[in-house]
Every structure is written in structure tokens, then in C-alpha cells.
Amino acid sequence: MNFDTTLVVCAAIILFVSVVGISSFHINDRILMSKNVDAAISKGIDPLAVRCAYARENDVVCVAFAASGGNFVLQSKK
């Protein structure tokens, strides 16, 4: 009985630490990207290029940006 309880508690702790670690990693990644985009805007660098530096290879906006040679303008719907 004691071994089963210990095993369940250890598994719960490992699961909790894993979720917190992965969450903090992704939150920190977004914060750093935001700071880099702000720095790019202040330096006159295209913020979309900075965003695409963090994107995955299947991000449609960044694929279109790369295919256009960096001359891609997002049109907002009105």
C-alpha cells in the first residue's frame, strides 16, 4: 500500500513539473519574440521578418513572405 501511494505521488509530481516546465518555456519564448519584434521596429527592420525567424516551417504567412523575397504586405480586411 505504501509503495503504491509513493508511486502515484511521484508520478503526479513528475507530471506537474513537466507541465510547468513546458509552459514556462513557451511563455518565455513568446516574451523574447515580443522584445525582439519591438527592437526590430525601433531599428527599422521588418517585424514580419523577425516573426518568421521564430516560426515553424509550415507557417503560411512566413512561406508567402519568403516566396515574395521579403516584399510581402499583409492586407487587413475592412
C-alpha atoms as a PDB file:
ATOM      1  CA  MET A   1       0.000   0.000   0.000  1.00  0.00           C
ATOM      2  CA  ASN A   2       2.783   2.446   0.889  1.00  0.00           C
ATOM      3  CA  PHE A   3       4.696   1.708  -2.318  1.00  0.00           C
ATOM      4  CA  ASP A   4       1.590   2.367  -4.455  1.00  0.00           C
ATOM      5  CA  THR A   5       0.981   5.703  -2.771  1.00  0.00           C
ATOM      6  CA  THR A   6       4.605   6.731  -3.247  1.00  0.00           C
ATOM      7  CA  LEU A   7       4.490   5.756  -6.899  1.00  0.00           C
ATOM      8  CA  VAL A   8       1.318   7.780  -7.536  1.00  0.00           C
ATOM      9  CA  VAL A   9       2.709  10.834  -5.729  1.00  0.00           C
ATOM     10  CA  CYS A  10       5.994  10.647  -7.679  1.00  0.00           C
ATOM     11  CA  ALA A  11       4.159  10.305 -10.985  1.00  0.00           C
ATOM     12  CA  ALA A  12       1.956  13.299 -10.133  1.00  0.00           C
ATOM     13  CA  ILE A  13       4.992  15.400  -9.219  1.00  0.00           C
ATOM     14  CA  ILE A  14       6.782  14.471 -12.446  1.00  0.00           C
ATOM     15  CA  LEU A  15       3.694  15.310 -14.494  1.00  0.00           C
ATOM     16  CA  PHE A  16       3.210  18.648 -12.717  1.00  0.00           C
ATOM     17  CA  VAL A  17       6.868  19.663 -13.122  1.00  0.00           C
ATOM     18  CA  SER A  18       6.776  18.690 -16.802  1.00  0.00           C
ATOM     19  CA  VAL A  19       3.677  20.793 -17.488  1.00  0.00           C
ATOM     20  CA  VAL A  20       5.103  23.795 -15.628  1.00  0.00           C
ATOM     21  CA  GLY A  21       8.451  23.488 -17.401  1.00  0.00           C
ATOM     22  CA  ILE A  22       6.968  23.236 -20.883  1.00  0.00           C
ATOM     23  CA  SER A  23       4.561  26.090 -20.186  1.00  0.00           C
ATOM     24  CA  SER A  24       7.284  28.386 -18.888  1.00  0.00           C
ATOM     25  CA  PHE A  25       9.467  27.562 -21.897  1.00  0.00           C
ATOM     26  CA  HIS A  26       6.750  28.564 -24.372  1.00  0.00           C
ATOM     27  CA  ILE A  27       5.770  31.681 -22.407  1.00  0.00           C
ATOM     28  CA  ASN A  28       9.400  32.777 -22.203  1.00  0.00           C
ATOM     29  CA  ASP A  29       9.824  32.150 -25.943  1.00  0.00           C
ATOM     30  CA  ARG A  30       6.852  34.418 -26.744  1.00  0.00           C
ATOM     31  CA  ILE A  31       8.165  37.145 -24.408  1.00  0.00           C
ATOM     32  CA  LEU A  32      11.581  37.069 -26.080  1.00  0.00           C
ATOM     33  CA  MET A  33       9.984  37.192 -29.534  1.00  0.00           C
ATOM     34  CA  SER A  34       7.932  40.213 -28.471  1.00  0.00           C
ATOM     35  CA  LYS A  35      11.046  42.011 -27.252  1.00  0.00           C
ATOM     36  CA  ASN A  36      12.878  41.214 -30.490  1.00  0.00           C
ATOM     37  CA  VAL A  37       9.976  42.493 -32.599  1.00  0.00           C
ATOM     38  CA  ASP A  38       9.902  45.720 -30.580  1.00  0.00           C
ATOM     39  CA  ALA A  39      13.655  46.135 -31.042  1.00  0.00           C
ATOM     40  CA  ALA A  40      13.305  45.466 -34.778  1.00  0.00           C
ATOM     41  CA  ILE A  41      10.591  48.102 -35.120  1.00  0.00           C
ATOM     42  CA  SER A  42      12.760  50.669 -33.350  1.00  0.00           C
ATOM     43  CA  LYS A  43      15.676  49.848 -35.689  1.00  0.00           C
ATOM     44  CA  GLY A  44      13.542  49.933 -38.837  1.00  0.00           C
ATOM     45  CA  ILE A  45      13.708  46.190 -39.501  1.00  0.00           C
ATOM     46  CA  ASP A  46      10.605  44.489 -40.851  1.00  0.00           C
ATOM     47  CA  PRO A  47       8.875  42.918 -37.828  1.00  0.00           C
ATOM     48  CA  LEU A  48       7.418  40.186 -40.037  1.00  0.00           C
ATOM     49  CA  ALA A  49      10.952  39.025 -40.816  1.00  0.00           C
ATOM     50  CA  VAL A  50      11.654  38.776 -37.086  1.00  0.00           C
ATOM     51  CA  ARG A  51       8.398  36.897 -36.516  1.00  0.00           C
ATOM     52  CA  CYS A  52       9.281  34.459 -39.271  1.00  0.00           C
ATOM     53  CA  ALA A  53      12.637  33.783 -37.625  1.00  0.00           C
ATOM     54  CA  TYR A  54      10.667  32.165 -34.777  1.00  0.00           C
ATOM     55  CA  ALA A  55       8.032  30.431 -36.928  1.00  0.00           C
ATOM     56  CA  ARG A  56       7.793  26.800 -37.875  1.00  0.00           C
ATOM     57  CA  GLU A  57       8.372  25.664 -41.434  1.00  0.00           C
ATOM     58  CA  ASN A  58       4.648  25.234 -42.120  1.00  0.00           C
ATOM     59  CA  ASP A  59       3.650  28.813 -41.209  1.00  0.00           C
ATOM     60  CA  VAL A  60       1.736  30.008 -44.278  1.00  0.00           C
ATOM     61  CA  VAL A  61       2.429  33.712 -43.706  1.00  0.00           C
ATOM     62  CA  CYS A  62       6.176  33.155 -43.463  1.00  0.00           C
ATOM     63  CA  VAL A  63       6.205  30.861 -46.505  1.00  0.00           C
ATOM     64  CA  ALA A  64       4.495  33.611 -48.514  1.00  0.00           C
ATOM     65  CA  PHE A  65       6.912  36.189 -47.075  1.00  0.00           C
ATOM     66  CA  ALA A  66       9.913  34.103 -48.100  1.00  0.00           C
ATOM     67  CA  ALA A  67       8.463  33.372 -51.545  1.00  0.00           C
ATOM     68  CA  SER A  68       7.909  37.075 -52.183  1.00  0.00           C
ATOM     69  CA  GLY A  69      11.516  37.856 -51.398  1.00  0.00           C
ATOM     70  CA  GLY A  70      10.583  39.893 -48.334  1.00  0.00           C
ATOM     71  CA  ASN A  71       8.178  42.203 -50.151  1.00  0.00           C
ATOM     72  CA  PHE A  72       5.060  40.741 -48.590  1.00  0.00           C
ATOM     73  CA  VAL A  73       2.431  43.150 -47.230  1.00  0.00           C
ATOM     74  CA  LEU A  74      -0.428  41.877 -45.104  1.00  0.00           C
ATOM     75  CA  GLN A  75      -3.752  43.363 -46.131  1.00  0.00           C
ATOM     76  CA  SER A  76      -6.252  43.885 -43.342  1.00  0.00           C
ATOM     77  CA  LYS A  77      -9.895  43.098 -44.047  1.00  0.00           C
ATOM     78  CA  LYS A  78     -12.218  46.053 -43.501  1.00  0.00           C
END
